[in-house]
Structures are given as C-alpha cells and as structure tokens.
C-alpha cells in the first residue's frame, strides 16, 4: 500500500477497500472543513475535525438513528449532502417552523423542505384519527426518532425505513403508538394518520435501513469471499455507500461554486443563510520510484453541514487500484501539498 505524506492541515487517510467491481484498491479520503457565519462568509476552520471512521448510534443500533456516519467509504457514484443540527422557532408561541435546504449547481438544483412541529399526539374522534393540539415548539434536534416510523411491538412489526421513529401504526383501525411525528414533509402533515408515510429528515441513514439495505447486491458465496475478501456480492448498486436520503442525492460531483441556502436552523431568527461552496484544486501528487511524478484528481462526493457548529465539511476521495490483495505497491507515495488549492491559501487562518 502507498505511503501517505500529508503536508496539508486537513484530515486525510489512506485505507484498503474494494471498488464497485469488487476489485481491491487503496482509497484516499480527505476532509476539509470551513466555518461560516450568518452573512454567508466562509473561512477555513482553525481546528480541522478528524474523519469519522465508523458509524455511531444514538442508542441500540437495531432501533436508533445515526449520531455520526462513517466518512471513509470506498466509493460513491455521485455527490450527496446531509445535515446535523436543530430547528428553531421564530417566535415564542410558534407551534411549527419551516426548514429548508437548497443546493444549486450549473444546470441542476436540489431543494428540500420539512416542517418541524411541537410535541403532539394522534387522537381518535368522531372524524377518525386526527392530531391533538400542537404544543409550542422548542429548539428541536433533527433526528429520525422524531420522524415517522418505529416498532409496533403488539404486532411484532417494524417500519423498515425508520425503526427508530414514532407514530407507526400498521393497523388501519388501531392506534398502538399515539406519538405523532414532529418532523414531516408538508404533504404528509396535512394528511391524517397514514400507513404509507415516509420518514422525514436531513441526516444520514443507517446501512440496515431501506433503501440502503437493498443496495449491497447478492450475498457472496464462501468461495467468492475466500477469493476476493469483498463483503458484497454481484449486483451491488453504485449507490451502496450513499448515506443521505434519496432526495439529497445530487446528479453530479461537487465542483465548487455551488450555491447553498439554509433556512430555519438558526436561533437568531434570520430568514435564511446563503453560502457558496469554495473552488479548490483537488489534486495530490503520486510519486513512484523510477517513474515521473503524476497528479491524481480527487472528486468531492459528500457535503456535511453542521448548523450548530456552523461548519461545512467537504469530503472527497480517489482510489488507487492495486495488482492484487497482497500487493503493497512498495516505493509509492501520495503527497498532499500544504496549500491544496487557491481558496485555502487565501482563507487560511
């Protein structure tokens, strides 16, 4: 495996892995974090957070959502974004707030709007199952425990797209879970109790939830596993390692210059924050004995938004195919230069 020489201030790691074609490879992942303010100004964070090396959960992994998700994945087929943060009411007596994210590039735009409500319940009345009075909204952490889903213990059923959630009632006439979701799409908020609801959130999805659980292809046979050591079999989906909800997937990789809009996530009550992702030179030097130096391009495939820390993290990677499982590529080096692009030279703290 090549030796990584990281002269930049950014978090970077070189790990073994498998590509989409199940071939063994070395994967370089780099994480660059910028601070932002409510006026939309970006600058390089003085302290660069480390890459997240494994998933961490809020509780039992079988029935809770992700607190953080692994950032050192072997490949992604296009870019995606996910968000950690809270929703804030604009006034003391608000019972709901509209939150919105929009990311716009050249020729495309991805917009998502969710409602965040105060605590309330499902209740049965003459007109069927309706919502109770909604309490005043407090600052609310956005996680899937407050979205539609959950486990119906009486019927031993669980909502495979979000077993951590609330309000899941597979029966059309019985309400076993009276908790109503506090994070919803606008269309489902206007409806009554809906067995065909979908979980609403901005955060990453665990690998054992749908739709991620369907994307790992066939289970490899013992013979295949012994030959390749690859943990997934034939038919793996190119989106197998995508963590964000489907409506936060982008049609391309991030190139820099994309416009990002955030609304409803800040205690100061600002109408919205407009940001522009930085342009940077995403190249590393590939050095090998008796071979002319070369430049390798990385692609930015993940944007992580933390509205509480007011940070954007840009994660990008490249893969280096090896000759086989036992190939160490001795005499190879990857050098990440100190500047790593004009934006960071100009905005370094």
Protein backbone atom coordinates (compact mmCIF):
# COMPACT_ATOMS: atom_id res chain seq x y z
CA UNK A 1 0.00 0.00 0.00
CA UNK A 2 1.34 3.51 -0.80
CA UNK A 3 2.64 5.78 1.93
CA UNK A 4 0.59 8.92 2.62
CA UNK A 5 2.50 12.14 3.23
CA UNK A 6 0.03 14.79 4.37
CA UNK A 7 1.59 18.25 4.47
CA UNK A 8 -1.80 19.97 4.48
CA UNK A 9 -3.74 20.96 7.63
CA UNK A 10 -6.66 18.76 6.58
CA UNK A 11 -7.71 15.38 7.86
CA UNK A 12 -6.73 12.62 5.43
CA UNK A 13 -6.40 8.86 5.49
CA UNK A 14 -5.39 6.09 3.11
CA UNK A 15 -7.21 2.79 3.63
CA UNK A 16 -7.62 -0.50 1.77
CA UNK A 17 -11.04 -1.24 0.28
CA UNK A 18 -12.98 -2.63 -2.66
CA UNK A 19 -14.32 -0.86 -5.71
CA UNK A 20 -17.70 -1.20 -7.36
CA UNK A 21 -16.30 -4.04 -9.47
CA UNK A 22 -15.18 -5.77 -6.22
CA UNK A 23 -11.51 -5.29 -7.05
CA UNK A 24 -9.10 -4.47 -4.25
CA UNK A 25 -7.86 -0.89 -4.08
CA UNK A 26 -6.38 1.78 -1.83
CA UNK A 27 -8.70 4.71 -1.11
CA UNK A 28 -7.55 8.20 -0.18
CA UNK A 29 -10.14 10.31 1.66
CA UNK A 30 -9.63 13.98 2.53
CA UNK A 31 -11.86 16.15 4.70
CA UNK A 32 -11.74 19.94 4.53
CA UNK A 33 -13.83 21.98 6.97
CA UNK A 34 -14.84 25.63 6.74
CA UNK A 35 -16.59 27.84 9.27
CA UNK A 36 -19.43 30.05 8.10
CA UNK A 37 -21.32 32.96 9.57
CA UNK A 38 -24.88 34.18 9.08
CA UNK A 39 -23.77 36.70 6.48
CA UNK A 40 -22.60 33.84 4.27
CA UNK A 41 -18.85 34.29 4.74
CA UNK A 42 -16.64 31.18 4.68
CA UNK A 43 -13.17 30.71 6.11
CA UNK A 44 -11.01 27.71 6.79
CA UNK A 45 -11.65 26.29 10.27
CA UNK A 46 -8.71 26.75 12.62
CA UNK A 47 -9.21 23.24 14.01
CA UNK A 48 -9.88 20.67 11.32
CA UNK A 49 -12.06 17.81 12.65
CA UNK A 50 -10.87 14.27 12.07
CA UNK A 51 -12.54 11.96 9.57
CA UNK A 52 -15.26 9.80 11.10
CA UNK A 53 -14.03 6.21 10.80
CA UNK A 54 -17.16 4.31 11.81
CA UNK A 55 -20.88 4.69 12.35
CA UNK A 56 -22.05 5.71 15.83
CA UNK A 57 -25.64 5.43 17.02
CA UNK A 58 -27.84 7.27 19.48
CA UNK A 59 -28.65 4.02 21.24
CA UNK A 60 -29.17 0.40 20.26
CA UNK A 61 -28.03 0.09 16.61
CA UNK A 62 -31.08 -2.04 15.80
CA UNK A 63 -33.55 0.64 16.87
CA UNK A 64 -31.86 4.05 16.87
CA UNK A 65 -30.60 6.50 14.30
CA UNK A 66 -27.06 7.52 13.45
CA UNK A 67 -25.32 10.09 15.59
CA UNK A 68 -22.47 10.19 13.05
CA UNK A 69 -21.77 8.16 9.95
CA UNK A 70 -18.55 6.76 8.54
CA UNK A 71 -16.82 9.14 6.12
CA UNK A 72 -14.11 6.80 4.80
CA UNK A 73 -16.27 4.82 2.42
CA UNK A 74 -14.66 3.15 -0.62
CA UNK A 75 -16.72 4.81 -3.36
CA UNK A 76 -19.75 6.90 -4.25
CA UNK A 77 -21.26 7.26 -7.71
CA UNK A 78 -22.16 10.95 -7.35
CA UNK A 79 -22.32 13.60 -4.64
CA UNK A 80 -24.75 13.87 -1.74
CA UNK A 81 -25.24 16.05 1.32
CA UNK A 82 -26.55 15.51 4.81
CA UNK A 83 -27.11 17.83 7.75
CA UNK A 84 -26.76 17.73 11.53
CA UNK A 85 -28.47 20.45 13.54
CA UNK A 86 -31.57 21.83 15.22
CA UNK A 87 -34.72 23.62 14.10
CA UNK A 88 -35.51 26.90 15.85
CA UNK A 89 -38.92 28.59 16.18
CA UNK A 90 -39.02 32.18 15.01
CA UNK A 91 -41.32 33.30 17.86
CA UNK A 92 -42.02 32.06 21.38
CA UNK A 93 -45.58 30.98 20.53
CA UNK A 94 -44.74 29.14 17.29
CA UNK A 95 -46.02 25.59 17.03
CA UNK A 96 -44.06 24.80 13.85
CA UNK A 97 -41.21 26.07 11.74
CA UNK A 98 -40.35 25.50 8.10
CA UNK A 99 -36.82 24.31 7.48
CA UNK A 100 -35.31 24.27 4.03
CA UNK A 101 -32.11 23.32 2.25
CA UNK A 102 -31.30 24.10 -1.36
CA UNK A 103 -28.12 23.26 -3.25
CA UNK A 104 -27.77 24.60 -6.76
CA UNK A 105 -25.12 23.92 -9.38
CA UNK A 106 -24.81 24.52 -13.08
CA UNK A 107 -27.95 23.13 -14.70
CA UNK A 108 -29.39 21.49 -11.56
CA UNK A 109 -30.92 22.28 -8.18
CA UNK A 110 -31.93 20.09 -5.24
CA UNK A 111 -34.37 21.62 -2.77
CA UNK A 112 -35.89 20.03 0.32
CA UNK A 113 -38.37 21.50 2.78
CA UNK A 114 -39.50 19.91 6.04
CA UNK A 115 -41.85 21.03 8.79
CA UNK A 116 -40.80 20.72 12.44
CA UNK A 117 -43.66 20.75 14.95
CA UNK A 118 -44.13 20.95 18.67
CA UNK A 119 -44.99 17.85 20.67
CA UNK A 120 -48.46 16.38 19.98
CA UNK A 121 -50.32 13.08 19.74
CA UNK A 122 -52.61 11.05 17.49
CA UNK A 123 -56.14 11.00 18.88
CA UNK A 124 -59.30 9.19 17.84
CA UNK A 125 -62.52 11.14 17.44
CA UNK A 126 -65.80 11.19 15.53
CA UNK A 127 -63.97 12.23 12.37
CA UNK A 128 -61.37 9.50 12.68
CA UNK A 129 -57.77 9.76 13.77
CA UNK A 130 -56.51 13.34 13.98
CA UNK A 131 -53.77 15.33 15.64
CA UNK A 132 -54.12 16.74 19.13
CA UNK A 133 -53.32 20.35 19.90
CA UNK A 134 -49.71 21.07 18.97
CA UNK A 135 -47.54 22.42 21.79
CA UNK A 136 -45.29 25.43 21.40
CA UNK A 137 -42.10 24.47 19.62
CA UNK A 138 -38.82 24.37 21.47
CA UNK A 139 -35.43 24.25 19.71
CA UNK A 140 -35.56 20.70 18.34
CA UNK A 141 -32.68 18.45 17.41
CA UNK A 142 -33.26 16.93 13.99
CA UNK A 143 -33.03 13.16 14.17
CA UNK A 144 -35.12 10.25 12.94
CA UNK A 145 -36.51 9.37 16.38
CA UNK A 146 -38.88 12.33 15.84
CA UNK A 147 -39.84 11.30 12.27
CA UNK A 148 -42.46 8.82 11.12
CA UNK A 149 -41.56 5.21 11.82
CA UNK A 150 -40.94 2.94 14.77
CA UNK A 151 -41.79 -0.54 16.02
CA UNK A 152 -45.28 -1.91 16.61
CA UNK A 153 -44.48 -4.30 19.44
CA UNK A 154 -48.04 -5.61 19.71
CA UNK A 155 -47.90 -6.93 16.16
CA UNK A 156 -44.14 -7.59 16.08
CA UNK A 157 -43.74 -5.30 13.08
CA UNK A 158 -41.29 -2.52 12.40
CA UNK A 159 -41.04 0.22 9.81
CA UNK A 160 -38.04 -0.84 7.73
CA UNK A 161 -37.27 2.69 6.52
CA UNK A 162 -37.04 4.02 10.09
CA UNK A 163 -37.40 1.61 13.02
CA UNK A 164 -36.24 4.40 15.35
CA UNK A 165 -39.20 6.70 14.66
CA UNK A 166 -42.63 7.31 16.13
CA UNK A 167 -46.27 7.13 15.05
CA UNK A 168 -46.04 3.86 13.11
CA UNK A 169 -49.38 2.04 13.22
CA UNK A 170 -49.74 -0.70 10.59
CA UNK A 171 -53.36 -1.33 11.54
CA UNK A 172 -55.91 0.93 9.85
CA UNK A 173 -58.23 0.91 12.86
CA UNK A 174 -56.00 0.64 15.94
CA UNK A 175 -53.51 3.21 17.24
CA UNK A 176 -50.81 1.43 19.22
CA UNK A 177 -48.33 4.32 19.06
CA UNK A 178 -50.09 7.59 19.82
CA UNK A 179 -46.96 9.70 19.32
CA UNK A 180 -47.27 11.89 16.25
CA UNK A 181 -44.12 12.70 14.26
CA UNK A 182 -42.57 16.10 14.85
CA UNK A 183 -40.57 16.18 11.61
CA UNK A 184 -42.65 15.82 8.46
CA UNK A 185 -42.96 16.57 4.78
CA UNK A 186 -45.66 19.19 4.23
CA UNK A 187 -47.87 16.81 2.21
CA UNK A 188 -47.99 14.19 4.96
CA UNK A 189 -48.53 16.79 7.67
CA UNK A 190 -51.78 17.79 6.01
CA UNK A 191 -52.98 14.18 5.87
CA UNK A 192 -54.44 12.08 8.67
CA UNK A 193 -52.69 9.05 10.10
CA UNK A 194 -51.05 7.50 7.07
CA UNK A 195 -49.66 3.98 6.96
CA UNK A 196 -47.79 4.88 3.76
CA UNK A 197 -45.92 7.81 5.27
CA UNK A 198 -42.17 8.19 4.82
CA UNK A 199 -39.53 9.27 7.33
CA UNK A 200 -38.51 12.91 7.09
CA UNK A 201 -35.03 14.08 7.99
CA UNK A 202 -31.79 15.58 6.76
CA UNK A 203 -29.38 13.22 8.48
CA UNK A 204 -27.58 10.09 7.23
CA UNK A 205 -29.44 6.77 7.07
CA UNK A 206 -28.05 3.61 8.73
CA UNK A 207 -26.92 0.82 6.39
CA UNK A 208 -29.56 -1.62 7.68
CA UNK A 209 -32.49 0.70 6.83
CA UNK A 210 -34.24 0.85 3.50
CA UNK A 211 -33.34 1.85 0.88
CA UNK A 212 -29.66 1.36 1.75
CA UNK A 213 -30.14 -2.25 2.82
CA UNK A 214 -31.26 -3.20 -0.71
CA UNK A 215 -28.15 -1.87 -2.45
CA UNK A 216 -25.42 -4.28 -1.39
CA UNK A 217 -26.11 -6.90 -4.04
CA UNK A 218 -26.10 -10.65 -3.58
CA UNK A 219 -24.55 -12.22 -0.52
CA UNK A 220 -21.14 -13.54 -1.65
CA UNK A 221 -20.61 -17.26 -1.61
CA UNK A 222 -17.93 -18.74 0.60
CA UNK A 223 -15.81 -19.36 -2.47
CA UNK A 224 -16.13 -15.74 -3.62
CA UNK A 225 -15.38 -14.44 -0.15
CA UNK A 226 -12.25 -16.56 0.11
CA UNK A 227 -11.08 -15.37 -3.29
CA UNK A 228 -11.77 -11.63 -3.04
CA UNK A 229 -12.46 -10.92 0.67
CA UNK A 230 -15.02 -8.40 -0.64
CA UNK A 231 -18.01 -8.28 1.75
CA UNK A 232 -20.58 -7.75 -1.00
CA UNK A 233 -21.50 -9.92 -3.97
CA UNK A 234 -22.59 -9.45 -7.55
CA UNK A 235 -25.18 -6.80 -8.40
CA UNK A 236 -24.05 -4.16 -5.91
CA UNK A 237 -25.72 -0.81 -6.56
CA UNK A 238 -23.41 2.15 -7.39
CA UNK A 239 -25.21 3.98 -4.55
CA UNK A 240 -24.43 1.27 -2.00
CA UNK A 241 -22.36 3.63 0.14
CA UNK A 242 -24.60 6.67 -0.16
CA UNK A 243 -25.79 7.70 3.30
CA UNK A 244 -28.12 10.63 2.62
CA UNK A 245 -31.85 10.31 1.86
CA UNK A 246 -32.63 9.89 -1.83
CA UNK A 247 -33.89 13.48 -2.12
CA UNK A 248 -30.46 14.74 -1.02
CA UNK A 249 -28.58 12.97 -3.80
CA UNK A 250 -27.01 15.20 -6.45
CA UNK A 251 -26.79 14.48 -10.19
CA UNK A 252 -23.03 15.10 -10.29
CA UNK A 253 -19.97 15.52 -8.10
CA UNK A 254 -19.36 18.85 -6.38
CA UNK A 255 -17.05 21.10 -8.37
CA UNK A 256 -17.04 24.23 -6.22
CA UNK A 257 -19.08 27.37 -6.72
CA UNK A 258 -22.42 25.69 -5.93
CA UNK A 259 -24.90 27.84 -4.03
CA UNK A 260 -26.27 26.59 -0.71
CA UNK A 261 -29.30 28.02 1.08
CA UNK A 262 -30.25 27.12 4.68
CA UNK A 263 -33.41 28.23 6.48
CA UNK A 264 -34.90 27.52 9.91
CA UNK A 265 -31.73 26.19 11.56
CA UNK A 266 -30.51 29.25 13.46
CA UNK A 267 -31.52 30.66 16.85
CA UNK A 268 -31.02 34.25 15.73
CA UNK A 269 -34.19 34.04 13.64
CA UNK A 270 -32.54 35.01 10.36
CA UNK A 271 -34.71 34.46 7.32
CA UNK A 272 -32.07 32.34 5.62
CA UNK A 273 -28.36 31.97 5.02
CA UNK A 274 -26.84 31.98 1.54
CA UNK A 275 -23.46 30.31 1.06
CA UNK A 276 -21.26 29.47 -1.89
CA UNK A 277 -19.08 26.37 -1.83
CA UNK A 278 -15.42 27.18 -2.41
CA UNK A 279 -13.48 26.43 -5.56
CA UNK A 280 -10.32 24.48 -4.92
CA UNK A 281 -7.64 22.49 -6.68
CA UNK A 282 -8.26 18.91 -5.63
CA UNK A 283 -5.09 17.16 -6.68
CA UNK A 284 -2.46 15.09 -4.93
CA UNK A 285 0.99 14.12 -6.10
CA UNK A 286 1.62 10.49 -6.96
CA UNK A 287 5.30 9.57 -6.62
CA UNK A 288 6.88 6.28 -7.51
CA UNK A 289 10.47 5.13 -7.79
CA UNK A 290 11.89 5.40 -11.29
CA UNK A 291 8.57 6.82 -12.62
CA UNK A 292 7.89 10.50 -13.43
CA UNK A 293 5.68 12.22 -10.80
CA UNK A 294 1.98 12.47 -11.65
CA UNK A 295 -1.06 14.34 -10.36
CA UNK A 296 -4.15 12.46 -9.24
CA UNK A 297 -7.58 14.12 -9.24
CA UNK A 298 -9.93 13.70 -6.31
CA UNK A 299 -13.70 14.12 -6.54
CA UNK A 300 -15.83 15.77 -3.89
CA UNK A 301 -18.71 13.38 -3.25
CA UNK A 302 -20.00 14.50 0.16
CA UNK A 303 -21.03 17.76 1.79
CA UNK A 304 -21.61 17.59 5.55
CA UNK A 305 -23.50 20.55 7.05
CA UNK A 306 -23.41 21.19 10.80
CA UNK A 307 -25.66 24.13 11.57
CA UNK A 308 -24.93 24.09 15.32
CA UNK A 309 -21.16 24.28 14.81
CA UNK A 310 -21.75 26.42 11.70
CA UNK A 311 -19.38 24.37 9.63
CA UNK A 312 -19.32 22.83 6.17
CA UNK A 313 -17.14 19.77 5.60
CA UNK A 314 -16.19 18.78 2.07
CA UNK A 315 -15.18 15.16 1.67
CA UNK A 316 -13.54 13.87 -1.44
CA UNK A 317 -11.61 10.78 -2.43
CA UNK A 318 -9.76 8.86 -5.06
CA UNK A 319 -8.97 5.16 -5.48
CA UNK A 320 -5.66 3.58 -6.43
CA UNK A 321 -6.11 0.11 -7.95
CA UNK A 322 -3.59 -2.47 -6.80
CA UNK A 323 -2.28 -5.57 -8.52
CA UNK A 324 -3.94 -7.88 -6.01
CA UNK A 325 -4.84 -8.39 -2.37
CA UNK A 326 -1.23 -8.83 -1.30
CA UNK A 327 0.21 -6.03 -3.39
CA UNK A 328 1.74 -3.33 -1.20
CA UNK A 329 2.82 -1.01 -4.01
CA UNK A 330 6.18 -0.54 -2.36
CA UNK A 331 8.03 2.54 -3.47
CA UNK A 332 4.79 4.57 -3.94
CA UNK A 333 3.90 7.79 -2.13
CA UNK A 334 0.91 10.12 -2.11
CA UNK A 335 1.72 13.72 -1.22
CA UNK A 336 -0.98 16.20 -0.19
CA UNK A 337 0.66 19.63 -0.55
CA UNK A 338 0.38 22.30 2.12
CA UNK A 339 -1.69 24.78 0.11
CA UNK A 340 -4.10 22.34 -1.51
CA UNK A 341 -5.74 24.96 -3.70
CA UNK A 342 -6.11 28.72 -4.06
CA UNK A 343 -9.20 29.11 -1.83
CA UNK A 344 -7.44 27.67 1.17
CA UNK A 345 -4.25 29.65 0.66
CA UNK A 346 -6.25 32.87 0.61
CA UNK A 347 -8.55 31.99 3.52
CA UNK A 348 -6.20 30.11 5.85
CA UNK A 349 -6.30 31.28 9.43
